[in-house]
Amino acid sequence: MQSTRIPATIISGFLGAGKTTLLRSLMEKSTHKKIAIIVNEFGSLGIDGDILKNCGVPGCTEDNIVELANGCICCTVADEFLPTMEALLDRKDPPEHIIIETSGLALPKPLIKAFNWPSIKTRMTVDGVVTLVDSPAVLAGRFADDPEAVAQQRAADPSLDHDNPLHEVFEDQLCSADLIILNKVDLITPEQAQQLTQDIQKEIPKAVKIIQASNGQVDPEIILGINAGAEDDLQSRPSHHDGEGEDHEHDDFTSFVVTIPTANDPESLVQKLIQVANTYDILRIKGYVNIANKPMRLEIHGVGQRFNYHFDRAWRADESRESKLIIIGETGIDQEAIQSSLQ
């Protein structure tokens, strides 16, 4: 039965860890394999799905990419995820492998449990759960588990809180993993990467391979073909939310879309976004921006003070050249002040 079931890989990781970049890299290097992609986003613009559909890789076609934007995938398993998987399985030409990019706030375990659903259990298996870690963000203390390090960070920034839902989500993602990737190691020192590896090893309940990557560049042979059968190994994947049912509320987080004016240049815009992100403790900013006198739209992603941006494609004649950003933060974030600052 194992050999006849379609394998699925779950890619987990917190906001801004680089999941979409990793997924694009996998598609570029796996052109020989028929892969379907499910993208779940925390935000309504569908940015990650759009990035993949326009990446120019043969496998990144619209037919092979399914976007789930009606809520966090771990909360909409029965209503949206399972029907989507059944539809993929029932295709005349079903995929050879399915990759699921979860929302940055998703808990992997409810999703793994869903593979025991009768209609897909005999037809699919969780080949592996891969958790991506934003190495610089963790080293900054936001999700560290070292009490001394957290104390030092709190002294510098009173808004940090070790015992908060953000940290629980991060721990649950680590504990569900079959493979952990320390991403963006080019932004830290080798000594910091070694220390981060040791810190994570203390948190996870079982021996899990931890590897390093820059810009999400990992050989597909490492990620696809783990053969974990994770749905049959739930007991070794503890969660803070065990015993709370299948649902995982996200009342602690919110996202909203801000339309901003056309920017004169990317550099000035990024400096403004950094200032706003720091002032209002924004977790994540991403979107598309119209730059004056440029025929192409600017794709922008930000976590804390780290922003990446590039011109991804030309504006189409049938679309409005509006600049829209998704802002993700904790509940209570001052949406009106953020909108006013950016507009």
Protein backbone atom coordinates (compact mmCIF):
# COMPACT_ATOMS: atom_id res chain seq x y z
CA MET A 1 0.00 0.00 0.00
CA GLN A 2 2.83 2.38 0.84
CA SER A 3 4.27 2.15 -2.67
CA THR A 4 0.94 2.91 -4.37
CA ARG A 5 0.01 5.94 -2.28
CA ILE A 6 0.81 9.43 -3.56
CA PRO A 7 3.36 11.10 -1.26
CA ALA A 8 2.70 14.55 0.15
CA THR A 9 5.28 16.88 1.68
CA ILE A 10 4.18 19.50 4.20
CA ILE A 11 6.35 22.63 4.27
CA SER A 12 5.93 24.45 7.56
CA GLY A 13 7.62 27.51 8.97
CA PHE A 14 6.88 30.80 10.61
CA LEU A 15 6.03 34.05 8.83
CA GLY A 16 8.83 35.09 6.50
CA ALA A 17 10.93 31.95 6.89
CA GLY A 18 11.21 31.56 3.11
CA LYS A 19 8.71 28.79 2.32
CA THR A 20 7.65 30.13 -1.08
CA THR A 21 11.29 30.65 -2.09
CA LEU A 22 12.07 27.07 -1.09
CA LEU A 23 9.06 25.80 -3.02
CA ARG A 24 10.05 27.70 -6.15
CA SER A 25 13.55 26.23 -5.90
CA LEU A 26 12.10 22.72 -5.58
CA MET A 27 10.00 23.23 -8.70
CA GLU A 28 12.96 24.52 -10.67
CA LYS A 29 14.99 21.43 -9.80
CA SER A 30 12.21 18.81 -10.06
CA THR A 31 10.99 19.33 -13.61
CA HIS A 32 11.05 15.57 -14.22
CA LYS A 33 8.35 14.96 -11.60
CA LYS A 34 4.66 15.84 -11.89
CA ILE A 35 4.05 17.91 -8.76
CA ALA A 36 0.90 19.63 -7.51
CA ILE A 37 1.19 22.51 -5.07
CA ILE A 38 -1.26 23.63 -2.40
CA VAL A 39 -0.61 27.13 -1.05
CA ASN A 40 -2.27 28.40 2.14
CA GLU A 41 -1.78 32.07 2.97
CA PHE A 42 -2.51 34.26 5.99
CA GLY A 43 -3.80 37.22 3.98
CA SER A 44 -6.18 37.69 1.10
CA LEU A 45 -4.02 38.90 -1.80
CA GLY A 46 -2.76 35.48 -2.89
CA ILE A 47 0.80 36.72 -3.20
CA ASP A 48 2.58 33.39 -2.71
CA GLY A 49 0.40 31.61 -5.26
CA ASP A 50 0.91 34.44 -7.74
CA ILE A 51 4.69 34.23 -7.26
CA LEU A 52 4.66 30.54 -8.14
CA LYS A 53 2.28 30.88 -11.10
CA ASN A 54 4.51 33.57 -12.61
CA CYS A 55 7.87 31.99 -11.83
CA GLY A 56 8.44 30.72 -15.38
CA VAL A 57 9.12 27.13 -14.28
CA PRO A 58 7.26 24.52 -16.43
CA GLY A 59 5.78 22.77 -13.38
CA CYS A 60 4.47 26.03 -11.87
CA THR A 61 1.37 26.12 -14.05
CA GLU A 62 -1.99 27.40 -12.88
CA ASP A 63 -3.54 23.92 -13.15
CA ASN A 64 -0.97 22.51 -10.73
CA ILE A 65 -1.27 25.23 -8.09
CA VAL A 66 -4.23 25.36 -5.71
CA GLU A 67 -4.67 28.31 -3.38
CA LEU A 68 -6.51 27.96 -0.07
CA ALA A 69 -7.15 31.46 1.24
CA ASN A 70 -10.30 31.02 3.33
CA GLY A 71 -8.42 30.57 6.57
CA CYS A 72 -5.49 28.78 8.14
CA ILE A 73 -5.23 25.30 6.67
CA CYS A 74 -5.11 23.61 10.09
CA CYS A 75 -8.51 25.17 10.89
CA THR A 76 -10.24 24.38 7.58
CA VAL A 77 -9.20 20.74 7.16
CA ALA A 78 -12.69 19.28 6.72
CA ASP A 79 -14.22 22.20 4.83
CA GLU A 80 -11.51 22.99 2.32
CA PHE A 81 -8.35 20.90 2.52
CA LEU A 82 -9.88 17.41 2.27
CA PRO A 83 -12.13 18.23 -0.73
CA THR A 84 -9.09 19.76 -2.45
CA MET A 85 -7.02 16.62 -1.90
CA GLU A 86 -9.86 14.39 -3.11
CA ALA A 87 -10.18 16.50 -6.27
CA LEU A 88 -6.44 16.12 -6.97
CA LEU A 89 -6.63 12.36 -6.46
CA ASP A 90 -9.63 12.05 -8.76
CA ARG A 91 -7.94 13.73 -11.70
CA LYS A 92 -7.53 11.63 -14.83
CA ASP A 93 -3.82 12.36 -14.61
CA PRO A 94 -3.13 12.70 -10.85
CA PRO A 95 0.12 14.22 -9.54
CA GLU A 96 3.10 12.07 -8.60
CA HIS A 97 3.84 14.20 -5.53
CA ILE A 98 1.93 16.93 -3.66
CA ILE A 99 3.67 19.75 -1.79
CA ILE A 100 1.67 21.75 0.75
CA GLU A 101 2.95 25.18 1.77
CA THR A 102 1.16 26.01 5.01
CA SER A 103 0.40 29.42 6.39
CA GLY A 104 3.13 30.81 8.64
CA LEU A 105 0.73 30.50 11.57
CA ALA A 106 -0.43 26.94 10.85
CA LEU A 107 0.05 23.99 13.17
CA PRO A 108 1.22 20.96 11.20
CA LYS A 109 -0.31 18.27 13.43
CA PRO A 110 -4.02 18.75 12.55
CA LEU A 111 -3.02 18.63 8.90
CA ILE A 112 -1.05 15.41 9.41
CA LYS A 113 -4.07 13.88 11.18
CA ALA A 114 -6.23 14.66 8.15
CA PHE A 115 -4.33 12.08 6.13
CA ASN A 116 -6.07 9.40 8.20
CA TRP A 117 -9.39 10.52 6.72
CA PRO A 118 -10.99 7.41 5.10
CA SER A 119 -11.32 8.93 1.63
CA ILE A 120 -7.59 9.66 1.31
CA LYS A 121 -5.87 7.31 3.80
CA THR A 122 -5.44 4.48 1.29
CA ARG A 123 -4.46 6.83 -1.51
CA MET A 124 -2.01 9.28 0.08
CA THR A 125 0.68 9.44 2.74
CA VAL A 126 2.66 12.22 4.41
CA ASP A 127 6.11 11.66 2.94
CA GLY A 128 7.57 14.21 5.34
CA VAL A 129 7.08 17.40 7.31
CA VAL A 130 9.76 19.99 6.57
CA THR A 131 10.03 22.98 8.90
CA LEU A 132 11.85 26.06 7.71
CA VAL A 133 13.50 28.30 10.33
CA ASP A 134 14.22 32.00 9.81
CA SER A 135 17.66 31.84 11.43
CA PRO A 136 18.27 35.59 11.94
CA ALA A 137 14.77 36.09 13.41
CA VAL A 138 15.22 33.28 15.93
CA LEU A 139 18.65 34.57 16.91
CA ALA A 140 17.09 37.98 17.45
CA GLY A 141 15.28 36.44 20.42
CA ARG A 142 11.68 36.48 19.23
CA PHE A 143 11.36 32.69 19.32
CA ALA A 144 14.43 31.64 21.29
CA ASP A 145 14.09 29.10 24.06
CA ASP A 146 17.20 30.17 25.95
CA PRO A 147 15.89 32.04 29.04
CA GLU A 148 19.11 34.03 29.38
CA ALA A 149 19.01 35.11 25.76
CA VAL A 150 15.35 36.03 26.07
CA ALA A 151 16.09 38.05 29.21
CA GLN A 152 18.78 39.96 27.32
CA GLN A 153 16.43 40.60 24.44
CA ARG A 154 13.66 41.73 26.78
CA ALA A 155 16.04 44.19 28.39
CA ALA A 156 16.60 45.72 24.96
CA ASP A 157 12.97 45.38 23.83
CA PRO A 158 10.22 45.16 26.49
CA SER A 159 7.67 44.11 23.87
CA LEU A 160 9.23 40.65 23.51
CA ASP A 161 7.48 37.84 25.33
CA HIS A 162 8.86 34.31 25.53
CA ASP A 163 5.65 32.67 26.76
CA ASN A 164 3.34 33.79 24.01
CA PRO A 165 1.33 32.14 21.20
CA LEU A 166 4.02 32.96 18.65
CA HIS A 167 6.52 30.83 20.49
CA GLU A 168 4.02 27.96 20.88
CA VAL A 169 3.34 27.93 17.14
CA PHE A 170 7.07 27.89 16.44
CA GLU A 171 7.64 25.00 18.89
CA ASP A 172 4.75 23.00 17.42
CA GLN A 173 6.22 23.42 13.93
CA LEU A 174 9.62 22.18 15.15
CA CYS A 175 8.18 19.21 17.05
CA SER A 176 6.18 17.99 14.03
CA ALA A 177 9.16 18.03 11.68
CA ASP A 178 10.97 15.19 9.97
CA LEU A 179 13.53 17.64 8.60
CA ILE A 180 14.44 21.12 9.88
CA ILE A 181 16.10 23.63 7.57
CA LEU A 182 17.94 26.58 9.04
CA ASN A 183 17.33 29.09 6.28
CA LYS A 184 19.14 32.40 5.65
CA VAL A 185 22.36 31.18 7.26
CA ASP A 186 24.19 33.58 4.96
CA LEU A 187 22.89 36.32 7.28
CA ILE A 188 24.46 34.82 10.44
CA THR A 189 27.89 33.50 11.43
CA PRO A 190 28.86 29.81 11.40
CA GLU A 191 29.13 29.95 15.20
CA GLN A 192 25.59 31.30 15.47
CA ALA A 193 24.30 28.57 13.16
CA GLN A 194 25.96 25.93 15.33
CA GLN A 195 24.46 27.42 18.49
CA LEU A 196 21.02 27.63 16.88
CA THR A 197 21.26 23.97 15.88
CA GLN A 198 22.09 22.99 19.45
CA ASP A 199 19.23 25.09 20.85
CA ILE A 200 16.70 23.51 18.49
CA GLN A 201 17.94 20.00 19.27
CA LYS A 202 17.04 20.65 22.91
CA GLU A 203 13.45 21.52 21.97
CA ILE A 204 12.51 18.68 19.65
CA PRO A 205 11.40 15.30 21.04
CA LYS A 206 13.24 13.03 18.61
CA ALA A 207 16.36 12.90 16.51
CA VAL A 208 15.65 15.01 13.44
CA LYS A 209 18.13 16.00 10.77
CA ILE A 210 18.90 19.74 10.82
CA ILE A 211 20.49 21.22 7.71
CA GLN A 212 21.46 24.73 6.62
CA ALA A 213 20.39 26.71 3.56
CA SER A 214 20.61 30.14 1.99
CA ASN A 215 17.76 31.54 -0.08
CA GLY A 216 15.85 28.27 0.25
CA GLN A 217 18.32 26.38 -1.95
CA VAL A 218 18.05 22.68 -1.03
CA ASP A 219 18.45 19.59 -3.22
CA PRO A 220 14.96 18.10 -3.85
CA GLU A 221 16.37 14.64 -3.14
CA ILE A 222 16.81 15.70 0.49
CA ILE A 223 13.23 16.94 0.87
CA LEU A 224 11.17 14.71 -1.42
CA GLY A 225 11.33 11.02 -0.56
CA ILE A 226 11.73 11.02 3.23
CA ASN A 227 9.13 8.20 3.48
CA ALA A 228 8.17 9.20 7.00
CA GLY A 229 4.53 8.06 6.94
CA ALA A 230 3.92 10.86 9.43
CA GLU A 231 0.20 10.15 9.78
CA ASP A 232 1.13 6.85 11.46
CA ASP A 233 3.66 8.51 13.77
CA LEU A 234 1.56 11.15 15.55
CA GLN A 235 2.59 10.14 19.07
CA SER A 236 6.18 11.30 18.49
CA ARG A 237 5.01 14.77 17.41
CA PRO A 238 3.77 16.55 20.57
CA SER A 239 1.87 19.81 20.33
CA HIS A 240 0.88 22.56 22.76
CA HIS A 241 -2.63 22.11 21.36
CA ASP A 242 -3.00 18.35 21.94
CA GLY A 243 -6.35 17.62 23.53
CA GLU A 244 -7.91 20.87 22.31
CA GLY A 245 -9.69 19.32 19.34
CA GLU A 246 -8.89 19.82 15.67
CA ASP A 247 -9.45 23.58 15.59
CA HIS A 248 -6.71 26.07 16.30
CA GLU A 249 -7.94 29.60 16.78
CA HIS A 250 -5.97 32.56 15.48
CA ASP A 251 -7.60 35.23 17.58
CA ASP A 252 -4.14 36.41 18.60
CA PHE A 253 -3.27 37.42 15.03
CA THR A 254 -4.77 39.64 12.38
CA SER A 255 -4.05 40.62 8.80
CA PHE A 256 -5.31 43.47 6.68
CA VAL A 257 -4.57 45.03 3.31
CA VAL A 258 -3.30 48.58 2.89
CA THR A 259 -3.37 50.42 -0.43
CA ILE A 260 -0.47 52.86 -0.62
CA PRO A 261 0.44 55.59 -3.13
CA THR A 262 2.83 55.00 -6.01
CA ALA A 263 6.39 55.04 -4.67
CA ASN A 264 9.17 57.11 -6.20
CA ASP A 265 11.84 54.46 -5.64
CA PRO A 266 12.21 51.11 -3.81
CA GLU A 267 14.90 52.28 -1.38
CA SER A 268 12.86 55.13 0.11
CA LEU A 269 9.81 52.89 0.37
CA VAL A 270 11.73 50.20 2.25
CA GLN A 271 13.10 52.74 4.73
CA LYS A 272 9.56 53.91 5.40
CA LEU A 273 8.30 50.33 5.84
CA ILE A 274 11.11 49.53 8.27
CA GLN A 275 10.18 52.56 10.34
CA VAL A 276 6.49 51.63 10.41
CA ALA A 277 7.22 47.95 11.16
CA ASN A 278 9.36 48.89 14.14
CA THR A 279 6.92 51.50 15.46
CA TYR A 280 3.90 49.18 15.42
CA ASP A 281 5.61 45.79 15.98
CA ILE A 282 4.44 44.36 12.66
CA LEU A 283 5.25 40.67 12.17
CA ARG A 284 5.20 40.56 8.37
CA ILE A 285 4.71 42.82 5.36
CA LYS A 286 4.38 41.58 1.79
CA GLY A 287 2.78 42.78 -1.40
CA TYR A 288 3.14 44.40 -4.81
CA VAL A 289 3.99 48.07 -5.37
CA ASN A 290 3.81 50.42 -8.32
CA ILE A 291 7.05 52.39 -8.75
CA ALA A 292 6.86 55.67 -10.66
CA ASN A 293 8.05 55.48 -14.27
CA LYS A 294 8.66 51.72 -14.07
CA PRO A 295 6.78 49.29 -16.33
CA MET A 296 7.24 46.39 -13.88
CA ARG A 297 5.67 45.86 -10.48
CA LEU A 298 7.81 45.59 -7.36
CA GLU A 299 7.39 42.46 -5.24
CA ILE A 300 8.31 43.15 -1.61
CA HIS A 301 8.64 41.00 1.53
CA GLY A 302 9.61 42.16 4.99
CA VAL A 303 10.26 40.62 8.40
CA GLY A 304 11.33 43.10 11.06
CA GLN A 305 14.08 45.25 9.57
CA ARG A 306 14.91 42.78 6.81
CA PHE A 307 13.22 43.49 3.50
CA ASN A 308 13.71 41.84 0.13
CA TYR A 309 12.35 43.26 -3.09
CA HIS A 310 12.66 42.86 -6.85
CA PHE A 311 10.72 43.65 -10.01
CA ASP A 312 8.89 40.40 -10.76
CA ARG A 313 6.97 41.10 -13.98
CA ALA A 314 5.45 43.82 -16.14
CA TRP A 315 2.06 45.21 -15.19
CA ARG A 316 -0.63 43.75 -17.43
CA ALA A 317 -2.83 46.03 -19.49
CA ASP A 318 -5.96 44.58 -17.86
CA GLU A 319 -4.91 45.18 -14.23
CA SER A 320 -4.88 48.27 -12.05
CA ARG A 321 -1.41 49.45 -11.07
CA GLU A 322 -2.36 49.66 -7.41
CA SER A 323 0.15 49.25 -4.62
CA LYS A 324 -1.24 46.81 -2.05
CA LEU A 325 0.48 45.41 1.04
CA ILE A 326 -0.64 42.71 3.46
CA ILE A 327 0.14 43.65 7.05
CA ILE A 328 0.24 40.80 9.59
CA GLY A 329 0.46 41.43 13.32
CA GLU A 330 -0.90 40.47 16.68
CA THR A 331 -4.49 41.31 17.56
CA GLY A 332 -4.83 44.88 18.77
CA ILE A 333 -2.29 46.26 16.33
CA ASP A 334 -3.19 49.86 15.44
CA GLN A 335 -4.52 49.40 11.91
CA GLU A 336 -5.66 53.00 11.49
CA ALA A 337 -2.30 54.42 12.53
CA ILE A 338 -0.45 52.03 10.20
CA GLN A 339 -2.69 52.95 7.28
CA SER A 340 -2.25 56.64 8.02
CA SER A 341 1.55 56.27 8.21
CA LEU A 342 1.77 54.43 4.91
CA GLN A 343 -0.68 56.63 3.03
